[in-house]
Amino acid sequence: MTDPTQESEELRLLRKIGNQVSGMDVKLDGMDAKIDRIEGRAIRLGATAGAATGGIAGGIVAIGVLLAKYKLGA
C-alpha cells in the first residue's frame, strides 16, 4: 500500500504545478489582450497607408491622362 506521507508530497507537488499553470493562464490572457490591441492598430495603420497610396496613385494617373490630352490636343 502507499505511504500517506508520500501521497501528501504528491498532492503538494500537484498543487504547486496547478498554481504555476494558473499563473501562466493569467499571463496568456494578458498577452491575448495585448495582441488584440496591436492587431487593431495594425489594421488602422494599414488602412491609412492604403488610402494614402491609393490617393497618390489616382493623382498620378489623373496627371498622366491630362498630360496625354494636352499633348494630343484634345
Protein backbone atom coordinates (compact mmCIF):
# COMPACT_ATOMS: atom_id res chain seq x y z
CA MET A 1 0.00 0.00 0.00
CA THR A 2 1.06 3.60 -0.48
CA ASP A 3 2.59 5.62 2.28
CA PRO A 4 0.31 8.54 3.35
CA THR A 5 3.27 10.93 3.61
CA GLN A 6 4.21 10.15 0.01
CA GLU A 7 0.65 10.91 -1.10
CA SER A 8 0.73 14.25 0.65
CA GLU A 9 4.05 15.06 -1.07
CA GLU A 10 2.49 14.18 -4.43
CA LEU A 11 -0.55 16.31 -3.67
CA ARG A 12 1.71 19.19 -2.62
CA LEU A 13 3.60 18.97 -5.88
CA LEU A 14 0.38 18.76 -7.88
CA ARG A 15 -0.95 21.87 -6.14
CA LYS A 16 2.31 23.66 -6.86
CA ILE A 17 2.05 22.72 -10.55
CA GLY A 18 -1.60 23.80 -10.59
CA ASN A 19 -0.68 27.21 -9.18
CA GLN A 20 2.04 27.65 -11.77
CA VAL A 21 -0.36 26.74 -14.58
CA SER A 22 -2.89 29.25 -13.23
CA GLY A 23 -0.20 31.92 -13.26
CA MET A 24 0.61 31.09 -16.87
CA ASP A 25 -3.10 31.35 -17.78
CA VAL A 26 -3.19 34.89 -16.39
CA LYS A 27 -0.08 35.85 -18.37
CA LEU A 28 -1.51 34.33 -21.56
CA ASP A 29 -4.77 36.25 -21.11
CA GLY A 30 -2.74 39.45 -20.82
CA MET A 31 -0.82 38.57 -23.96
CA ASP A 32 -4.07 37.90 -25.84
CA ALA A 33 -5.36 41.35 -24.92
CA LYS A 34 -2.09 42.95 -25.99
CA ILE A 35 -2.13 41.09 -29.32
CA ASP A 36 -5.71 42.26 -29.94
CA ARG A 37 -4.66 45.89 -29.38
CA ILE A 38 -1.66 45.51 -31.68
CA GLU A 39 -3.83 43.89 -34.36
CA GLY A 40 -6.34 46.74 -34.20
CA ARG A 41 -3.58 49.30 -34.51
CA ALA A 42 -2.02 47.47 -37.46
CA ILE A 43 -5.38 47.35 -39.25
CA ARG A 44 -5.91 51.10 -38.76
CA LEU A 45 -2.39 51.97 -39.90
CA GLY A 46 -2.68 49.65 -42.90
CA ALA A 47 -5.98 51.22 -43.94
CA THR A 48 -4.48 54.71 -43.64
CA ALA A 49 -1.42 53.74 -45.66
CA GLY A 50 -3.61 52.09 -48.31
CA ALA A 51 -5.83 55.14 -48.61
CA ALA A 52 -2.84 57.46 -48.95
CA THR A 53 -1.21 55.23 -51.55
CA GLY A 54 -4.46 54.96 -53.49
CA GLY A 55 -4.88 58.74 -53.46
CA ILE A 56 -1.35 59.31 -54.70
CA ALA A 57 -1.70 56.67 -57.42
CA GLY A 58 -5.02 58.19 -58.54
CA GLY A 59 -3.43 61.63 -58.69
CA ILE A 60 -0.55 60.34 -60.81
CA VAL A 61 -2.94 58.65 -63.22
CA ALA A 62 -5.08 61.79 -63.48
CA ILE A 63 -2.00 63.91 -64.24
CA GLY A 64 -0.89 61.38 -66.86
CA VAL A 65 -4.27 61.48 -68.55
CA LEU A 66 -4.27 65.30 -68.53
CA LEU A 67 -0.75 65.40 -69.99
CA ALA A 68 -1.74 62.93 -72.71
CA LYS A 69 -4.81 65.02 -73.58
CA TYR A 70 -2.73 68.19 -73.67
CA LYS A 71 -0.06 66.58 -75.84
CA LEU A 72 -2.65 65.21 -78.27
CA GLY A 73 -4.53 68.50 -78.32
CA ALA A 74 -7.82 67.04 -77.15
